mmCIF file of all heavy atoms, coordinates in Angstrom:
data_MODEL
# 
_entry.id   MODEL 
# 
loop_
_atom_site.group_PDB 
_atom_site.id 
_atom_site.type_symbol 
_atom_site.label_atom_id 
_atom_site.label_alt_id 
_atom_site.label_comp_id 
_atom_site.label_asym_id 
_atom_site.label_entity_id 
_atom_site.label_seq_id 
_atom_site.pdbx_PDB_ins_code 
_atom_site.Cartn_x 
_atom_site.Cartn_y 
_atom_site.Cartn_z 
_atom_site.occupancy 
_atom_site.B_iso_or_equiv 
_atom_site.pdbx_formal_charge 
_atom_site.auth_seq_id 
_atom_site.auth_comp_id 
_atom_site.auth_asym_id 
_atom_site.auth_atom_id 
_atom_site.pdbx_PDB_model_num 
ATOM 1   N N   . GLY A 1 1  ? 13.338 22.733 -16.429 1.00 0.00 ? 1  GLY A N   1 
ATOM 2   C CA  . GLY A 1 1  ? 14.757 23.009 -16.113 1.00 0.00 ? 1  GLY A CA  1 
ATOM 3   C C   . GLY A 1 1  ? 15.245 22.290 -14.876 1.00 0.00 ? 1  GLY A C   1 
ATOM 4   O O   . GLY A 1 1  ? 16.445 22.539 -14.514 1.00 0.00 ? 1  GLY A O   1 
ATOM 5   N N   . ILE A 1 2  ? 14.371 21.693 -14.040 1.00 0.00 ? 2  ILE A N   1 
ATOM 6   C CA  . ILE A 1 2  ? 14.820 20.939 -12.933 1.00 0.00 ? 2  ILE A CA  1 
ATOM 7   C C   . ILE A 1 2  ? 14.317 19.464 -12.884 1.00 0.00 ? 2  ILE A C   1 
ATOM 8   O O   . ILE A 1 2  ? 13.259 19.065 -13.498 1.00 0.00 ? 2  ILE A O   1 
ATOM 9   C CB  . ILE A 1 2  ? 14.295 21.694 -11.600 1.00 0.00 ? 2  ILE A CB  1 
ATOM 10  C CG1 . ILE A 1 2  ? 12.760 21.533 -11.565 1.00 0.00 ? 2  ILE A CG1 1 
ATOM 11  C CG2 . ILE A 1 2  ? 14.675 23.112 -11.548 1.00 0.00 ? 2  ILE A CG2 1 
ATOM 12  C CD1 . ILE A 1 2  ? 12.110 22.044 -10.209 1.00 0.00 ? 2  ILE A CD1 1 
ATOM 13  N N   . GLU A 1 3  ? 15.024 18.551 -12.244 1.00 0.00 ? 3  GLU A N   1 
ATOM 14  C CA  . GLU A 1 3  ? 14.713 17.302 -12.095 1.00 0.00 ? 3  GLU A CA  1 
ATOM 15  C C   . GLU A 1 3  ? 14.262 17.073 -10.512 1.00 0.00 ? 3  GLU A C   1 
ATOM 16  O O   . GLU A 1 3  ? 14.950 17.596 -9.728  1.00 0.00 ? 3  GLU A O   1 
ATOM 17  C CB  . GLU A 1 3  ? 15.774 16.292 -12.311 1.00 0.00 ? 3  GLU A CB  1 
ATOM 18  C CG  . GLU A 1 3  ? 16.217 16.320 -13.859 1.00 0.00 ? 3  GLU A CG  1 
ATOM 19  C CD  . GLU A 1 3  ? 17.213 15.260 -14.170 1.00 0.00 ? 3  GLU A CD  1 
ATOM 20  O OE1 . GLU A 1 3  ? 17.570 14.476 -13.220 1.00 0.00 ? 3  GLU A OE1 1 
ATOM 21  O OE2 . GLU A 1 3  ? 17.794 15.178 -15.312 1.00 0.00 ? 3  GLU A OE2 1 
ATOM 22  N N   . ARG A 1 4  ? 13.198 16.333 -10.255 1.00 0.00 ? 4  ARG A N   1 
ATOM 23  C CA  . ARG A 1 4  ? 12.724 16.154 -8.943  1.00 0.00 ? 4  ARG A CA  1 
ATOM 24  C C   . ARG A 1 4  ? 12.159 14.731 -8.830  1.00 0.00 ? 4  ARG A C   1 
ATOM 25  O O   . ARG A 1 4  ? 11.592 14.157 -9.838  1.00 0.00 ? 4  ARG A O   1 
ATOM 26  C CB  . ARG A 1 4  ? 11.777 17.215 -8.506  1.00 0.00 ? 4  ARG A CB  1 
ATOM 27  C CG  . ARG A 1 4  ? 10.553 17.354 -9.478  1.00 0.00 ? 4  ARG A CG  1 
ATOM 28  C CD  . ARG A 1 4  ? 9.729  18.452 -8.916  1.00 0.00 ? 4  ARG A CD  1 
ATOM 29  N NE  . ARG A 1 4  ? 8.717  18.813 -9.849  1.00 0.00 ? 4  ARG A NE  1 
ATOM 30  C CZ  . ARG A 1 4  ? 7.708  19.743 -9.652  1.00 0.00 ? 4  ARG A CZ  1 
ATOM 31  N NH1 . ARG A 1 4  ? 7.629  20.360 -8.580  1.00 0.00 ? 4  ARG A NH1 1 
ATOM 32  N NH2 . ARG A 1 4  ? 6.770  20.002 -10.540 1.00 0.00 ? 4  ARG A NH2 1 
ATOM 33  N N   . TYR A 1 5  ? 12.114 14.225 -7.687  1.00 0.00 ? 5  TYR A N   1 
ATOM 34  C CA  . TYR A 1 5  ? 11.574 12.968 -7.415  1.00 0.00 ? 5  TYR A CA  1 
ATOM 35  C C   . TYR A 1 5  ? 9.947  12.948 -7.664  1.00 0.00 ? 5  TYR A C   1 
ATOM 36  O O   . TYR A 1 5  ? 9.313  13.957 -7.185  1.00 0.00 ? 5  TYR A O   1 
ATOM 37  C CB  . TYR A 1 5  ? 11.788 12.559 -5.884  1.00 0.00 ? 5  TYR A CB  1 
ATOM 38  C CG  . TYR A 1 5  ? 11.033 11.378 -5.502  1.00 0.00 ? 5  TYR A CG  1 
ATOM 39  C CD1 . TYR A 1 5  ? 11.454 10.118 -5.961  1.00 0.00 ? 5  TYR A CD1 1 
ATOM 40  C CD2 . TYR A 1 5  ? 10.132 11.420 -4.427  1.00 0.00 ? 5  TYR A CD2 1 
ATOM 41  C CE1 . TYR A 1 5  ? 10.738 8.903  -5.580  1.00 0.00 ? 5  TYR A CE1 1 
ATOM 42  C CE2 . TYR A 1 5  ? 9.434  10.342 -4.040  1.00 0.00 ? 5  TYR A CE2 1 
ATOM 43  C CZ  . TYR A 1 5  ? 9.812  9.051  -4.536  1.00 0.00 ? 5  TYR A CZ  1 
ATOM 44  O OH  . TYR A 1 5  ? 8.947  7.956  -4.176  1.00 0.00 ? 5  TYR A OH  1 
ATOM 45  N N   . LYS A 1 6  ? 9.468  11.931 -8.254  1.00 0.00 ? 6  LYS A N   1 
ATOM 46  C CA  . LYS A 1 6  ? 8.122  11.779 -8.489  1.00 0.00 ? 6  LYS A CA  1 
ATOM 47  C C   . LYS A 1 6  ? 7.686  10.442 -8.031  1.00 0.00 ? 6  LYS A C   1 
ATOM 48  O O   . LYS A 1 6  ? 8.179  9.411  -8.410  1.00 0.00 ? 6  LYS A O   1 
ATOM 49  C CB  . LYS A 1 6  ? 7.909  11.870 -10.148 1.00 0.00 ? 6  LYS A CB  1 
ATOM 50  C CG  . LYS A 1 6  ? 8.162  13.204 -10.705 1.00 0.00 ? 6  LYS A CG  1 
ATOM 51  C CD  . LYS A 1 6  ? 7.749  13.335 -12.248 1.00 0.00 ? 6  LYS A CD  1 
ATOM 52  C CE  . LYS A 1 6  ? 8.062  14.654 -12.854 1.00 0.00 ? 6  LYS A CE  1 
ATOM 53  N NZ  . LYS A 1 6  ? 7.748  14.694 -14.182 1.00 0.00 ? 6  LYS A NZ  1 
ATOM 54  N N   . ALA A 1 7  ? 6.751  10.536 -7.059  1.00 0.00 ? 7  ALA A N   1 
ATOM 55  C CA  . ALA A 1 7  ? 6.258  9.363  -6.397  1.00 0.00 ? 7  ALA A CA  1 
ATOM 56  C C   . ALA A 1 7  ? 5.117  8.588  -7.187  1.00 0.00 ? 7  ALA A C   1 
ATOM 57  O O   . ALA A 1 7  ? 4.567  9.159  -8.065  1.00 0.00 ? 7  ALA A O   1 
ATOM 58  C CB  . ALA A 1 7  ? 5.724  9.748  -5.032  1.00 0.00 ? 7  ALA A CB  1 
ATOM 59  N N   . SER A 1 8  ? 5.158  7.300  -6.991  1.00 0.00 ? 8  SER A N   1 
ATOM 60  C CA  . SER A 1 8  ? 4.142  6.514  -7.613  1.00 0.00 ? 8  SER A CA  1 
ATOM 61  C C   . SER A 1 8  ? 2.973  6.479  -6.816  1.00 0.00 ? 8  SER A C   1 
ATOM 62  O O   . SER A 1 8  ? 2.728  7.025  -5.638  1.00 0.00 ? 8  SER A O   1 
ATOM 63  C CB  . SER A 1 8  ? 4.638  5.067  -7.850  1.00 0.00 ? 8  SER A CB  1 
ATOM 64  O OG  . SER A 1 8  ? 5.006  4.412  -6.495  1.00 0.00 ? 8  SER A OG  1 
ATOM 65  N N   . GLY A 1 9  ? 1.904  5.803  -7.295  1.00 0.00 ? 9  GLY A N   1 
ATOM 66  C CA  . GLY A 1 9  ? 0.620  5.741  -6.600  1.00 0.00 ? 9  GLY A CA  1 
ATOM 67  C C   . GLY A 1 9  ? -0.176 6.971  -6.528  1.00 0.00 ? 9  GLY A C   1 
ATOM 68  O O   . GLY A 1 9  ? 0.257  7.919  -7.096  1.00 0.00 ? 9  GLY A O   1 
ATOM 69  N N   . GLY A 1 10 ? -1.333 6.897  -5.853  1.00 0.00 ? 10 GLY A N   1 
ATOM 70  C CA  . GLY A 1 10 ? -2.234 8.061  -5.844  1.00 0.00 ? 10 GLY A CA  1 
ATOM 71  C C   . GLY A 1 10 ? -2.783 8.352  -7.251  1.00 0.00 ? 10 GLY A C   1 
ATOM 72  O O   . GLY A 1 10 ? -3.103 7.531  -7.950  1.00 0.00 ? 10 GLY A O   1 
ATOM 73  N N   . ASN A 1 11 ? -3.009 9.592  -7.487  1.00 0.00 ? 11 ASN A N   1 
ATOM 74  C CA  . ASN A 1 11 ? -3.545 9.981  -8.781  1.00 0.00 ? 11 ASN A CA  1 
ATOM 75  C C   . ASN A 1 11 ? -2.620 11.320 -9.247  1.00 0.00 ? 11 ASN A C   1 
ATOM 76  O O   . ASN A 1 11 ? -1.668 11.615 -8.586  1.00 0.00 ? 11 ASN A O   1 
ATOM 77  C CB  . ASN A 1 11 ? -4.893 10.414 -8.613  1.00 0.00 ? 11 ASN A CB  1 
ATOM 78  C CG  . ASN A 1 11 ? -5.255 11.364 -7.547  1.00 0.00 ? 11 ASN A CG  1 
ATOM 79  O OD1 . ASN A 1 11 ? -4.453 12.367 -7.237  1.00 0.00 ? 11 ASN A OD1 1 
ATOM 80  N ND2 . ASN A 1 11 ? -6.300 11.149 -6.736  1.00 0.00 ? 11 ASN A ND2 1 
ATOM 81  N N   . ASN A 1 12 ? -3.191 11.941 -10.279 1.00 0.00 ? 12 ASN A N   1 
ATOM 82  C CA  . ASN A 1 12 ? -2.386 12.900 -10.896 1.00 0.00 ? 12 ASN A CA  1 
ATOM 83  C C   . ASN A 1 12 ? -2.825 14.447 -10.459 1.00 0.00 ? 12 ASN A C   1 
ATOM 84  O O   . ASN A 1 12 ? -2.191 15.268 -10.892 1.00 0.00 ? 12 ASN A O   1 
ATOM 85  C CB  . ASN A 1 12 ? -2.463 12.869 -12.408 1.00 0.00 ? 12 ASN A CB  1 
ATOM 86  C CG  . ASN A 1 12 ? -1.940 11.660 -12.993 1.00 0.00 ? 12 ASN A CG  1 
ATOM 87  O OD1 . ASN A 1 12 ? -0.830 11.255 -12.517 1.00 0.00 ? 12 ASN A OD1 1 
ATOM 88  N ND2 . ASN A 1 12 ? -2.479 11.002 -14.083 1.00 0.00 ? 12 ASN A ND2 1 
ATOM 89  N N   . THR A 1 13 ? -3.503 14.411 -9.327  1.00 0.00 ? 13 THR A N   1 
ATOM 90  C CA  . THR A 1 13 ? -3.914 15.661 -8.813  1.00 0.00 ? 13 THR A CA  1 
ATOM 91  C C   . THR A 1 13 ? -3.199 15.845 -7.350  1.00 0.00 ? 13 THR A C   1 
ATOM 92  O O   . THR A 1 13 ? -2.669 14.934 -6.810  1.00 0.00 ? 13 THR A O   1 
ATOM 93  C CB  . THR A 1 13 ? -5.378 15.689 -8.589  1.00 0.00 ? 13 THR A CB  1 
ATOM 94  O OG1 . THR A 1 13 ? -5.826 14.783 -7.581  1.00 0.00 ? 13 THR A OG1 1 
ATOM 95  C CG2 . THR A 1 13 ? -6.120 15.537 -9.928  1.00 0.00 ? 13 THR A CG2 1 
ATOM 96  N N   . SER A 1 14 ? -3.304 17.061 -6.892  1.00 0.00 ? 14 SER A N   1 
ATOM 97  C CA  . SER A 1 14 ? -2.850 17.399 -5.474  1.00 0.00 ? 14 SER A CA  1 
ATOM 98  C C   . SER A 1 14 ? -3.886 18.051 -4.699  1.00 0.00 ? 14 SER A C   1 
ATOM 99  O O   . SER A 1 14 ? -4.357 19.117 -5.085  1.00 0.00 ? 14 SER A O   1 
ATOM 100 C CB  . SER A 1 14 ? -1.591 18.235 -5.565  1.00 0.00 ? 14 SER A CB  1 
ATOM 101 O OG  . SER A 1 14 ? -1.166 18.631 -4.316  1.00 0.00 ? 14 SER A OG  1 
ATOM 102 N N   . ASP A 1 15 ? -4.263 17.453 -3.610  1.00 0.00 ? 15 ASP A N   1 
ATOM 103 C CA  . ASP A 1 15 ? -5.278 18.073 -2.591  1.00 0.00 ? 15 ASP A CA  1 
ATOM 104 C C   . ASP A 1 15 ? -4.600 18.290 -1.314  1.00 0.00 ? 15 ASP A C   1 
ATOM 105 O O   . ASP A 1 15 ? -5.449 18.424 -0.264  1.00 0.00 ? 15 ASP A O   1 
ATOM 106 C CB  . ASP A 1 15 ? -6.541 17.316 -2.562  1.00 0.00 ? 15 ASP A CB  1 
ATOM 107 C CG  . ASP A 1 15 ? -6.296 15.857 -1.974  1.00 0.00 ? 15 ASP A CG  1 
ATOM 108 O OD1 . ASP A 1 15 ? -5.174 15.505 -1.777  1.00 0.00 ? 15 ASP A OD1 1 
ATOM 109 O OD2 . ASP A 1 15 ? -7.252 15.075 -1.828  1.00 0.00 ? 15 ASP A OD2 1 
ATOM 110 N N   . VAL A 1 16 ? -3.289 18.474 -1.197  1.00 0.00 ? 16 VAL A N   1 
ATOM 111 C CA  . VAL A 1 16 ? -2.548 18.782 0.119   1.00 0.00 ? 16 VAL A CA  1 
ATOM 112 C C   . VAL A 1 16 ? -2.143 20.162 0.095   1.00 0.00 ? 16 VAL A C   1 
ATOM 113 O O   . VAL A 1 16 ? -2.033 20.834 -1.016  1.00 0.00 ? 16 VAL A O   1 
ATOM 114 C CB  . VAL A 1 16 ? -1.447 17.826 0.353   1.00 0.00 ? 16 VAL A CB  1 
ATOM 115 C CG1 . VAL A 1 16 ? -1.995 16.388 0.436   1.00 0.00 ? 16 VAL A CG1 1 
ATOM 116 C CG2 . VAL A 1 16 ? -0.422 17.940 -0.762  1.00 0.00 ? 16 VAL A CG2 1 
ATOM 117 N N   . GLU A 1 17 ? -1.747 20.824 1.206   1.00 0.00 ? 17 GLU A N   1 
ATOM 118 C CA  . GLU A 1 17 ? -1.259 22.167 1.335   1.00 0.00 ? 17 GLU A CA  1 
ATOM 119 C C   . GLU A 1 17 ? 0.087  22.219 0.552   1.00 0.00 ? 17 GLU A C   1 
ATOM 120 O O   . GLU A 1 17 ? 0.727  21.168 0.478   1.00 0.00 ? 17 GLU A O   1 
ATOM 121 C CB  . GLU A 1 17 ? -1.216 22.488 2.830   1.00 0.00 ? 17 GLU A CB  1 
ATOM 122 C CG  . GLU A 1 17 ? 0.055  21.971 3.498   1.00 0.00 ? 17 GLU A CG  1 
ATOM 123 C CD  . GLU A 1 17 ? 0.002  20.656 4.081   1.00 0.00 ? 17 GLU A CD  1 
ATOM 124 O OE1 . GLU A 1 17 ? -1.095 19.964 3.847   1.00 0.00 ? 17 GLU A OE1 1 
ATOM 125 O OE2 . GLU A 1 17 ? 0.867  20.151 4.894   1.00 0.00 ? 17 GLU A OE2 1 
ATOM 126 N N   . ASP A 1 18 ? 0.372  23.436 0.044   1.00 0.00 ? 18 ASP A N   1 
ATOM 127 C CA  . ASP A 1 18 ? 1.695  23.643 -0.460  1.00 0.00 ? 18 ASP A CA  1 
ATOM 128 C C   . ASP A 1 18 ? 2.625  24.398 0.585   1.00 0.00 ? 18 ASP A C   1 
ATOM 129 O O   . ASP A 1 18 ? 3.917  24.451 0.275   1.00 0.00 ? 18 ASP A O   1 
ATOM 130 C CB  . ASP A 1 18 ? 1.701  24.292 -1.849  1.00 0.00 ? 18 ASP A CB  1 
ATOM 131 C CG  . ASP A 1 18 ? 0.992  25.571 -1.864  1.00 0.00 ? 18 ASP A CG  1 
ATOM 132 O OD1 . ASP A 1 18 ? 1.138  26.481 -0.972  1.00 0.00 ? 18 ASP A OD1 1 
ATOM 133 O OD2 . ASP A 1 18 ? 0.281  25.839 -2.771  1.00 0.00 ? 18 ASP A OD2 1 
ATOM 134 N N   . MET A 1 19 ? 2.061  24.938 1.631   1.00 0.00 ? 19 MET A N   1 
ATOM 135 C CA  . MET A 1 19 ? 2.861  25.560 2.623   1.00 0.00 ? 19 MET A CA  1 
ATOM 136 C C   . MET A 1 19 ? 2.098  25.578 4.007   1.00 0.00 ? 19 MET A C   1 
ATOM 137 O O   . MET A 1 19 ? 0.866  25.518 3.896   1.00 0.00 ? 19 MET A O   1 
ATOM 138 C CB  . MET A 1 19 ? 3.172  27.057 2.248   1.00 0.00 ? 19 MET A CB  1 
ATOM 139 C CG  . MET A 1 19 ? 3.938  27.816 3.209   1.00 0.00 ? 19 MET A CG  1 
ATOM 140 S SD  . MET A 1 19 ? 4.262  29.485 2.717   1.00 0.00 ? 19 MET A SD  1 
ATOM 141 C CE  . MET A 1 19 ? 5.111  30.069 4.148   1.00 0.00 ? 19 MET A CE  1 
ATOM 142 N N   . CYS A 1 20 ? 2.820  25.548 5.075   1.00 0.00 ? 20 CYS A N   1 
ATOM 143 C CA  . CYS A 1 20 ? 2.210  25.651 6.406   1.00 0.00 ? 20 CYS A CA  1 
ATOM 144 C C   . CYS A 1 20 ? 3.115  26.280 7.381   1.00 0.00 ? 20 CYS A C   1 
ATOM 145 O O   . CYS A 1 20 ? 4.381  26.205 7.190   1.00 0.00 ? 20 CYS A O   1 
ATOM 146 C CB  . CYS A 1 20 ? 2.067  24.137 6.868   1.00 0.00 ? 20 CYS A CB  1 
ATOM 147 S SG  . CYS A 1 20 ? 1.399  24.075 8.555   1.00 0.00 ? 20 CYS A SG  1 
ATOM 148 N N   . VAL A 1 21 ? 2.485  27.139 8.269   1.00 0.00 ? 21 VAL A N   1 
ATOM 149 C CA  . VAL A 1 21 ? 3.219  27.856 9.236   1.00 0.00 ? 21 VAL A CA  1 
ATOM 150 C C   . VAL A 1 21 ? 2.514  27.623 10.546  1.00 0.00 ? 21 VAL A C   1 
ATOM 151 O O   . VAL A 1 21 ? 1.201  27.471 10.584  1.00 0.00 ? 21 VAL A O   1 
ATOM 152 C CB  . VAL A 1 21 ? 3.439  29.361 9.018   1.00 0.00 ? 21 VAL A CB  1 
ATOM 153 C CG1 . VAL A 1 21 ? 4.329  29.627 7.809   1.00 0.00 ? 21 VAL A CG1 1 
ATOM 154 C CG2 . VAL A 1 21 ? 2.076  29.987 8.688   1.00 0.00 ? 21 VAL A CG2 1 
ATOM 155 N N   . ALA A 1 22 ? 3.202  27.719 11.660  1.00 0.00 ? 22 ALA A N   1 
ATOM 156 C CA  . ALA A 1 22 ? 2.579  27.329 12.894  1.00 0.00 ? 22 ALA A CA  1 
ATOM 157 C C   . ALA A 1 22 ? 3.391  27.930 14.102  1.00 0.00 ? 22 ALA A C   1 
ATOM 158 O O   . ALA A 1 22 ? 4.590  28.053 13.948  1.00 0.00 ? 22 ALA A O   1 
ATOM 159 C CB  . ALA A 1 22 ? 2.294  25.901 13.062  1.00 0.00 ? 22 ALA A CB  1 
ATOM 160 N N   . MET A 1 23 ? 2.714  28.039 15.136  1.00 0.00 ? 23 MET A N   1 
ATOM 161 C CA  . MET A 1 23 ? 3.368  28.329 16.424  1.00 0.00 ? 23 MET A CA  1 
ATOM 162 C C   . MET A 1 23 ? 2.811  27.440 17.511  1.00 0.00 ? 23 MET A C   1 
ATOM 163 O O   . MET A 1 23 ? 1.600  27.163 17.674  1.00 0.00 ? 23 MET A O   1 
ATOM 164 C CB  . MET A 1 23 ? 3.083  29.767 16.842  1.00 0.00 ? 23 MET A CB  1 
ATOM 165 C CG  . MET A 1 23 ? 3.925  30.181 18.133  1.00 0.00 ? 23 MET A CG  1 
ATOM 166 S SD  . MET A 1 23 ? 3.616  31.863 18.674  1.00 0.00 ? 23 MET A SD  1 
ATOM 167 C CE  . MET A 1 23 ? 2.187  31.812 19.543  1.00 0.00 ? 23 MET A CE  1 
ATOM 168 N N   . ILE A 1 24 ? 3.789  26.823 18.307  1.00 0.00 ? 24 ILE A N   1 
ATOM 169 C CA  . ILE A 1 24 ? 3.327  25.748 19.293  1.00 0.00 ? 24 ILE A CA  1 
ATOM 170 C C   . ILE A 1 24 ? 3.920  26.323 20.619  1.00 0.00 ? 24 ILE A C   1 
ATOM 171 O O   . ILE A 1 24 ? 5.082  26.657 20.778  1.00 0.00 ? 24 ILE A O   1 
ATOM 172 C CB  . ILE A 1 24 ? 4.040  24.397 18.985  1.00 0.00 ? 24 ILE A CB  1 
ATOM 173 C CG1 . ILE A 1 24 ? 3.751  23.930 17.628  1.00 0.00 ? 24 ILE A CG1 1 
ATOM 174 C CG2 . ILE A 1 24 ? 3.638  23.359 20.046  1.00 0.00 ? 24 ILE A CG2 1 
ATOM 175 C CD1 . ILE A 1 24 ? 4.683  23.045 17.007  1.00 0.00 ? 24 ILE A CD1 1 
ATOM 176 N N   . ARG A 1 25 ? 3.030  26.480 21.526  1.00 0.00 ? 25 ARG A N   1 
ATOM 177 C CA  . ARG A 1 25 ? 3.350  26.769 23.023  1.00 0.00 ? 25 ARG A CA  1 
ATOM 178 C C   . ARG A 1 25 ? 3.483  25.332 23.823  1.00 0.00 ? 25 ARG A C   1 
ATOM 179 O O   . ARG A 1 25 ? 2.570  24.634 23.623  1.00 0.00 ? 25 ARG A O   1 
ATOM 180 C CB  . ARG A 1 25 ? 2.346  27.717 23.556  1.00 0.00 ? 25 ARG A CB  1 
ATOM 181 C CG  . ARG A 1 25 ? 2.293  29.013 23.048  1.00 0.00 ? 25 ARG A CG  1 
ATOM 182 C CD  . ARG A 1 25 ? 1.148  29.842 23.570  1.00 0.00 ? 25 ARG A CD  1 
ATOM 183 N NE  . ARG A 1 25 ? 0.996  31.112 23.068  1.00 0.00 ? 25 ARG A NE  1 
ATOM 184 C CZ  . ARG A 1 25 ? 1.638  32.225 23.336  1.00 0.00 ? 25 ARG A CZ  1 
ATOM 185 N NH1 . ARG A 1 25 ? 2.461  32.323 24.371  1.00 0.00 ? 25 ARG A NH1 1 
ATOM 186 N NH2 . ARG A 1 25 ? 1.341  33.329 22.735  1.00 0.00 ? 25 ARG A NH2 1 
ATOM 187 N N   . PHE A 1 26 ? 4.401  25.299 24.593  1.00 0.00 ? 26 PHE A N   1 
ATOM 188 C CA  . PHE A 1 26 ? 4.652  24.178 25.510  1.00 0.00 ? 26 PHE A CA  1 
ATOM 189 C C   . PHE A 1 26 ? 4.349  24.544 26.925  1.00 0.00 ? 26 PHE A C   1 
ATOM 190 O O   . PHE A 1 26 ? 4.375  25.720 27.369  1.00 0.00 ? 26 PHE A O   1 
ATOM 191 C CB  . PHE A 1 26 ? 5.970  23.614 25.289  1.00 0.00 ? 26 PHE A CB  1 
ATOM 192 C CG  . PHE A 1 26 ? 6.334  23.104 23.848  1.00 0.00 ? 26 PHE A CG  1 
ATOM 193 C CD1 . PHE A 1 26 ? 6.957  23.857 22.993  1.00 0.00 ? 26 PHE A CD1 1 
ATOM 194 C CD2 . PHE A 1 26 ? 5.843  21.819 23.412  1.00 0.00 ? 26 PHE A CD2 1 
ATOM 195 C CE1 . PHE A 1 26 ? 7.246  23.435 21.721  1.00 0.00 ? 26 PHE A CE1 1 
ATOM 196 C CE2 . PHE A 1 26 ? 6.044  21.455 22.138  1.00 0.00 ? 26 PHE A CE2 1 
ATOM 197 C CZ  . PHE A 1 26 ? 6.670  22.192 21.205  1.00 0.00 ? 26 PHE A CZ  1 
ATOM 198 N N   . ASP A 1 27 ? 4.180  23.439 27.751  1.00 0.00 ? 27 ASP A N   1 
ATOM 199 C CA  . ASP A 1 27 ? 3.854  23.637 29.160  1.00 0.00 ? 27 ASP A CA  1 
ATOM 200 C C   . ASP A 1 27 ? 4.956  24.217 30.046  1.00 0.00 ? 27 ASP A C   1 
ATOM 201 O O   . ASP A 1 27 ? 4.771  24.721 31.127  1.00 0.00 ? 27 ASP A O   1 
ATOM 202 C CB  . ASP A 1 27 ? 3.324  22.305 29.701  1.00 0.00 ? 27 ASP A CB  1 
ATOM 203 C CG  . ASP A 1 27 ? 4.456  21.215 29.770  1.00 0.00 ? 27 ASP A CG  1 
ATOM 204 O OD1 . ASP A 1 27 ? 5.382  21.357 29.218  1.00 0.00 ? 27 ASP A OD1 1 
ATOM 205 O OD2 . ASP A 1 27 ? 4.225  20.236 30.583  1.00 0.00 ? 27 ASP A OD2 1 
ATOM 206 N N   . ASP A 1 28 ? 6.206  24.234 29.493  1.00 0.00 ? 28 ASP A N   1 
ATOM 207 C CA  . ASP A 1 28 ? 7.364  24.831 30.232  1.00 0.00 ? 28 ASP A CA  1 
ATOM 208 C C   . ASP A 1 28 ? 7.582  26.213 29.853  1.00 0.00 ? 28 ASP A C   1 
ATOM 209 O O   . ASP A 1 28 ? 8.572  26.805 30.331  1.00 0.00 ? 28 ASP A O   1 
ATOM 210 C CB  . ASP A 1 28 ? 8.700  23.969 30.012  1.00 0.00 ? 28 ASP A CB  1 
ATOM 211 C CG  . ASP A 1 28 ? 8.976  23.998 28.631  1.00 0.00 ? 28 ASP A CG  1 
ATOM 212 O OD1 . ASP A 1 28 ? 8.368  24.470 27.706  1.00 0.00 ? 28 ASP A OD1 1 
ATOM 213 O OD2 . ASP A 1 28 ? 10.244 23.346 28.413  1.00 0.00 ? 28 ASP A OD2 1 
# 
């Protein structure tokens, strides 16, 4: 029921994260 962009290249599997959360502290 949805259309989405499909990239070329690579292969038909996914080995990357599907979500990421983080906290970054800076020197100031």
